[in-house]
N, C-alpha and C. Protein backbone atom coordinates (compact mmCIF):
# COMPACT_ATOMS: atom_id res chain seq x y z
N UNK A 1 -25.86 -23.68 -46.05
CA UNK A 1 -25.95 -22.26 -45.72
C UNK A 1 -27.18 -22.02 -44.88
N UNK A 2 -27.07 -21.07 -43.99
CA UNK A 2 -28.17 -20.75 -43.09
C UNK A 2 -29.31 -20.11 -43.87
N UNK A 3 -30.53 -20.45 -43.46
CA UNK A 3 -31.71 -19.93 -44.14
C UNK A 3 -32.34 -18.77 -43.40
N UNK A 4 -32.44 -18.88 -42.10
CA UNK A 4 -33.14 -17.87 -41.33
C UNK A 4 -32.18 -16.81 -40.80
N UNK A 5 -32.77 -15.69 -40.43
CA UNK A 5 -31.98 -14.58 -39.90
C UNK A 5 -31.29 -14.98 -38.59
N UNK A 6 -32.01 -15.71 -37.75
CA UNK A 6 -31.44 -16.11 -36.46
C UNK A 6 -30.29 -17.10 -36.63
N UNK A 7 -30.39 -17.98 -37.58
CA UNK A 7 -29.31 -18.95 -37.79
C UNK A 7 -28.06 -18.26 -38.35
N UNK A 8 -28.26 -17.23 -39.18
CA UNK A 8 -27.12 -16.46 -39.68
C UNK A 8 -26.44 -15.72 -38.53
N UNK A 9 -27.25 -15.19 -37.62
CA UNK A 9 -26.71 -14.49 -36.47
C UNK A 9 -25.93 -15.47 -35.57
N UNK A 10 -26.48 -16.66 -35.37
CA UNK A 10 -25.80 -17.67 -34.55
C UNK A 10 -24.46 -18.05 -35.15
N UNK A 11 -24.38 -18.12 -36.46
CA UNK A 11 -23.11 -18.45 -37.12
C UNK A 11 -22.08 -17.38 -36.82
N UNK A 12 -22.48 -16.11 -36.90
CA UNK A 12 -21.57 -15.00 -36.61
C UNK A 12 -21.13 -15.03 -35.15
N UNK A 13 -22.07 -15.28 -34.24
CA UNK A 13 -21.75 -15.31 -32.81
C UNK A 13 -20.83 -16.47 -32.49
N UNK A 14 -21.10 -17.64 -33.09
CA UNK A 14 -20.25 -18.81 -32.84
C UNK A 14 -18.83 -18.57 -33.34
N UNK A 15 -18.70 -17.89 -34.48
CA UNK A 15 -17.37 -17.59 -35.00
C UNK A 15 -16.63 -16.66 -34.05
N UNK A 16 -17.31 -15.62 -33.58
CA UNK A 16 -16.69 -14.68 -32.64
C UNK A 16 -16.26 -15.38 -31.36
N UNK A 17 -17.14 -16.22 -30.81
CA UNK A 17 -16.83 -16.93 -29.57
C UNK A 17 -15.69 -17.92 -29.76
N UNK A 18 -15.64 -18.59 -30.91
CA UNK A 18 -14.58 -19.55 -31.19
C UNK A 18 -13.22 -18.85 -31.21
N UNK A 19 -13.17 -17.67 -31.83
CA UNK A 19 -11.92 -16.91 -31.89
C UNK A 19 -11.49 -16.49 -30.49
N UNK A 20 -12.44 -15.99 -29.69
CA UNK A 20 -12.11 -15.58 -28.33
C UNK A 20 -11.66 -16.76 -27.48
N UNK A 21 -12.36 -17.88 -27.60
CA UNK A 21 -12.01 -19.06 -26.81
C UNK A 21 -10.63 -19.58 -27.19
N UNK A 22 -10.33 -19.60 -28.49
CA UNK A 22 -9.02 -20.08 -28.92
C UNK A 22 -7.90 -19.18 -28.42
N UNK A 23 -8.14 -17.87 -28.40
CA UNK A 23 -7.10 -16.97 -27.91
C UNK A 23 -6.90 -17.16 -26.40
N UNK A 24 -7.98 -17.41 -25.68
CA UNK A 24 -7.86 -17.63 -24.24
C UNK A 24 -7.14 -18.94 -23.94
N UNK A 25 -7.46 -19.98 -24.73
CA UNK A 25 -6.75 -21.26 -24.56
C UNK A 25 -5.27 -21.10 -24.86
N UNK A 26 -4.95 -20.30 -25.87
CA UNK A 26 -3.56 -20.04 -26.21
C UNK A 26 -2.85 -19.31 -25.08
N UNK A 27 -3.54 -18.37 -24.44
CA UNK A 27 -2.99 -17.65 -23.30
C UNK A 27 -2.66 -18.61 -22.16
N UNK A 28 -3.57 -19.54 -21.90
CA UNK A 28 -3.34 -20.53 -20.85
C UNK A 28 -2.14 -21.40 -21.18
N UNK A 29 -2.04 -21.83 -22.43
CA UNK A 29 -0.90 -22.65 -22.83
C UNK A 29 0.41 -21.89 -22.67
N UNK A 30 0.41 -20.60 -22.99
CA UNK A 30 1.61 -19.79 -22.84
C UNK A 30 2.00 -19.68 -21.37
N UNK A 31 1.01 -19.46 -20.51
CA UNK A 31 1.30 -19.38 -19.07
C UNK A 31 1.85 -20.71 -18.55
N UNK A 32 1.26 -21.83 -19.02
CA UNK A 32 1.75 -23.14 -18.60
C UNK A 32 3.20 -23.34 -19.05
N UNK A 33 3.49 -22.97 -20.29
CA UNK A 33 4.84 -23.15 -20.82
C UNK A 33 5.84 -22.30 -20.04
N UNK A 34 5.46 -21.05 -19.74
CA UNK A 34 6.35 -20.19 -18.96
C UNK A 34 6.58 -20.76 -17.57
N UNK A 35 5.54 -21.33 -16.98
CA UNK A 35 5.67 -21.93 -15.65
C UNK A 35 6.60 -23.14 -15.71
N UNK A 36 6.46 -23.97 -16.72
CA UNK A 36 7.32 -25.14 -16.85
C UNK A 36 8.78 -24.73 -17.08
N UNK A 37 8.99 -23.64 -17.83
CA UNK A 37 10.36 -23.13 -18.02
C UNK A 37 10.93 -22.63 -16.70
N UNK A 38 10.09 -22.03 -15.88
CA UNK A 38 10.54 -21.56 -14.57
C UNK A 38 10.90 -22.75 -13.68
N UNK A 39 10.13 -23.82 -13.76
CA UNK A 39 10.44 -25.04 -12.99
C UNK A 39 11.80 -25.59 -13.42
N UNK A 40 12.01 -25.62 -14.73
CA UNK A 40 13.27 -26.12 -15.26
C UNK A 40 14.44 -25.27 -14.79
N UNK A 41 14.28 -23.96 -14.83
CA UNK A 41 15.34 -23.05 -14.39
C UNK A 41 15.62 -23.20 -12.89
N UNK A 42 14.55 -23.38 -12.12
CA UNK A 42 14.75 -23.52 -10.67
C UNK A 42 15.42 -24.84 -10.33
N UNK A 43 15.13 -25.90 -11.08
CA UNK A 43 15.77 -27.19 -10.81
C UNK A 43 17.26 -27.13 -11.16
N UNK A 44 17.62 -26.29 -12.13
CA UNK A 44 19.03 -26.13 -12.47
C UNK A 44 19.76 -25.34 -11.39
N UNK A 45 19.05 -24.50 -10.65
CA UNK A 45 19.66 -23.70 -9.60
C UNK A 45 19.75 -24.43 -8.26
N UNK A 46 19.24 -25.65 -8.19
CA UNK A 46 19.29 -26.41 -6.94
C UNK A 46 20.73 -26.64 -6.51
N UNK A 47 21.63 -26.75 -7.48
CA UNK A 47 23.03 -26.97 -7.13
C UNK A 47 23.65 -25.76 -6.43
N UNK A 48 23.02 -24.59 -6.55
CA UNK A 48 23.50 -23.37 -5.90
C UNK A 48 22.49 -22.92 -4.84
N UNK A 49 22.48 -23.55 -3.66
CA UNK A 49 21.49 -23.17 -2.66
C UNK A 49 21.78 -21.78 -2.10
N UNK A 50 20.77 -21.22 -1.49
CA UNK A 50 20.95 -19.90 -0.89
C UNK A 50 19.75 -19.02 -1.14
N UNK A 51 20.02 -17.77 -1.30
CA UNK A 51 18.96 -16.78 -1.46
C UNK A 51 18.20 -16.97 -2.77
N UNK A 52 18.91 -17.37 -3.82
CA UNK A 52 18.25 -17.56 -5.12
C UNK A 52 17.20 -18.65 -5.06
N UNK A 53 17.45 -19.68 -4.25
CA UNK A 53 16.49 -20.78 -4.15
C UNK A 53 15.16 -20.29 -3.58
N UNK A 54 15.22 -19.46 -2.56
CA UNK A 54 13.98 -18.95 -1.97
C UNK A 54 13.25 -18.04 -2.95
N UNK A 55 14.03 -17.31 -3.77
CA UNK A 55 13.41 -16.47 -4.79
C UNK A 55 12.67 -17.32 -5.81
N UNK A 56 13.29 -18.43 -6.21
CA UNK A 56 12.64 -19.31 -7.18
C UNK A 56 11.38 -19.93 -6.58
N UNK A 57 11.43 -20.28 -5.31
CA UNK A 57 10.24 -20.85 -4.68
C UNK A 57 9.09 -19.86 -4.68
N UNK A 58 9.40 -18.61 -4.37
CA UNK A 58 8.36 -17.57 -4.38
C UNK A 58 7.83 -17.36 -5.79
N UNK A 59 8.74 -17.36 -6.77
CA UNK A 59 8.31 -17.20 -8.15
C UNK A 59 7.46 -18.39 -8.61
N UNK A 60 7.86 -19.59 -8.19
CA UNK A 60 7.09 -20.78 -8.56
C UNK A 60 5.67 -20.72 -7.99
N UNK A 61 5.58 -20.32 -6.72
CA UNK A 61 4.25 -20.23 -6.10
C UNK A 61 3.39 -19.21 -6.81
N UNK A 62 3.97 -18.06 -7.11
CA UNK A 62 3.21 -17.00 -7.78
C UNK A 62 2.80 -17.42 -9.19
N UNK A 63 3.73 -18.05 -9.89
CA UNK A 63 3.44 -18.51 -11.25
C UNK A 63 2.38 -19.60 -11.25
N UNK A 64 2.50 -20.54 -10.31
CA UNK A 64 1.51 -21.62 -10.19
C UNK A 64 0.14 -21.04 -9.89
N UNK A 65 0.09 -20.09 -8.99
CA UNK A 65 -1.17 -19.46 -8.63
C UNK A 65 -1.80 -18.75 -9.83
N UNK A 66 -0.98 -18.07 -10.62
CA UNK A 66 -1.49 -17.36 -11.80
C UNK A 66 -2.05 -18.33 -12.84
N UNK A 67 -1.34 -19.43 -13.07
CA UNK A 67 -1.80 -20.41 -14.06
C UNK A 67 -3.11 -21.06 -13.61
N UNK A 68 -3.17 -21.43 -12.34
CA UNK A 68 -4.39 -22.05 -11.82
C UNK A 68 -5.55 -21.08 -11.89
N UNK A 69 -5.29 -19.82 -11.62
CA UNK A 69 -6.33 -18.81 -11.71
C UNK A 69 -6.86 -18.70 -13.13
N UNK A 70 -5.96 -18.69 -14.12
CA UNK A 70 -6.38 -18.61 -15.52
C UNK A 70 -7.21 -19.84 -15.91
N UNK A 71 -6.80 -21.01 -15.44
CA UNK A 71 -7.54 -22.23 -15.75
C UNK A 71 -8.93 -22.19 -15.12
N UNK A 72 -9.01 -21.74 -13.88
CA UNK A 72 -10.31 -21.65 -13.21
C UNK A 72 -11.24 -20.66 -13.90
N UNK A 73 -10.68 -19.56 -14.36
CA UNK A 73 -11.50 -18.59 -15.09
C UNK A 73 -12.01 -19.17 -16.40
N UNK A 74 -11.19 -19.99 -17.06
CA UNK A 74 -11.62 -20.63 -18.30
C UNK A 74 -12.77 -21.60 -18.04
N UNK A 75 -12.74 -22.29 -16.91
CA UNK A 75 -13.84 -23.19 -16.56
C UNK A 75 -15.09 -22.38 -16.27
N UNK A 76 -14.93 -21.28 -15.58
CA UNK A 76 -16.07 -20.43 -15.24
C UNK A 76 -16.74 -19.88 -16.50
N UNK A 77 -15.91 -19.57 -17.52
CA UNK A 77 -16.44 -19.04 -18.79
C UNK A 77 -16.86 -20.15 -19.75
N UNK A 78 -16.71 -21.40 -19.30
CA UNK A 78 -17.05 -22.59 -20.10
C UNK A 78 -16.20 -22.72 -21.36
N UNK A 79 -14.93 -22.32 -21.23
CA UNK A 79 -13.98 -22.49 -22.32
C UNK A 79 -13.32 -23.86 -22.20
N UNK A 80 -13.03 -24.27 -20.96
CA UNK A 80 -12.48 -25.60 -20.69
C UNK A 80 -13.49 -26.40 -19.88
N UNK A 81 -13.47 -27.70 -20.08
CA UNK A 81 -14.30 -28.59 -19.28
C UNK A 81 -13.65 -28.73 -17.90
N UNK A 82 -14.46 -28.92 -16.88
CA UNK A 82 -13.92 -28.95 -15.52
C UNK A 82 -12.94 -30.11 -15.31
N UNK A 83 -13.18 -31.25 -15.94
CA UNK A 83 -12.26 -32.37 -15.79
C UNK A 83 -10.92 -32.09 -16.47
N UNK A 84 -10.95 -31.39 -17.58
CA UNK A 84 -9.72 -30.99 -18.25
C UNK A 84 -8.93 -30.05 -17.35
N UNK A 85 -9.63 -29.12 -16.71
CA UNK A 85 -8.98 -28.17 -15.81
C UNK A 85 -8.36 -28.90 -14.62
N UNK A 86 -9.08 -29.83 -14.06
CA UNK A 86 -8.56 -30.60 -12.92
C UNK A 86 -7.30 -31.36 -13.32
N UNK A 87 -7.33 -31.96 -14.50
CA UNK A 87 -6.16 -32.71 -14.98
C UNK A 87 -4.97 -31.78 -15.17
N UNK A 88 -5.19 -30.62 -15.79
CA UNK A 88 -4.10 -29.67 -16.01
C UNK A 88 -3.52 -29.19 -14.68
N UNK A 89 -4.39 -28.85 -13.73
CA UNK A 89 -3.92 -28.35 -12.44
C UNK A 89 -3.16 -29.43 -11.67
N UNK A 90 -3.64 -30.66 -11.73
CA UNK A 90 -2.97 -31.76 -11.04
C UNK A 90 -1.58 -32.01 -11.61
N UNK A 91 -1.49 -32.01 -12.94
CA UNK A 91 -0.18 -32.23 -13.56
C UNK A 91 0.79 -31.10 -13.22
N UNK A 92 0.30 -29.87 -13.23
CA UNK A 92 1.16 -28.75 -12.86
C UNK A 92 1.60 -28.84 -11.41
N UNK A 93 0.69 -29.24 -10.54
CA UNK A 93 1.01 -29.38 -9.12
C UNK A 93 2.09 -30.43 -8.91
N UNK A 94 1.97 -31.55 -9.60
CA UNK A 94 2.96 -32.61 -9.48
C UNK A 94 4.34 -32.15 -9.96
N UNK A 95 4.35 -31.37 -11.04
CA UNK A 95 5.63 -30.90 -11.58
C UNK A 95 6.22 -29.77 -10.73
N UNK A 96 5.35 -28.93 -10.17
CA UNK A 96 5.83 -27.79 -9.39
C UNK A 96 6.36 -28.20 -8.03
N UNK A 97 5.58 -29.01 -7.33
CA UNK A 97 5.92 -29.43 -5.97
C UNK A 97 5.97 -30.95 -5.90
N UNK A 98 7.03 -31.56 -6.42
CA UNK A 98 7.09 -33.03 -6.49
C UNK A 98 7.12 -33.69 -5.11
N UNK A 99 7.54 -32.97 -4.09
CA UNK A 99 7.62 -33.59 -2.76
C UNK A 99 6.24 -33.68 -2.10
N UNK A 100 5.27 -32.91 -2.56
CA UNK A 100 3.93 -32.94 -1.97
C UNK A 100 3.14 -34.17 -2.41
N UNK A 101 3.42 -34.66 -3.62
CA UNK A 101 2.63 -35.78 -4.14
C UNK A 101 3.33 -37.09 -3.98
């Protein structure tokens, strides 16, 4: 148990930050999962080329951009390590645009 007033305060602050960080990490995971579901749906629509395909491409770009933005913000807030962020972004890029890699 903490003895000093400052150590008790640090325990409270660490608990608050841990809860906030976990919720932000959960948000990132949800965005990643939604993006992967969109990739799956767009790959199923490849058999039906046309206007829907271009819509999926636009949605994929927007979704990818949003996920990468969330990951970058997490690095800026020191919620994720920069190497973890790079790995996540690289894997998403490979899955989103397989012809680029």
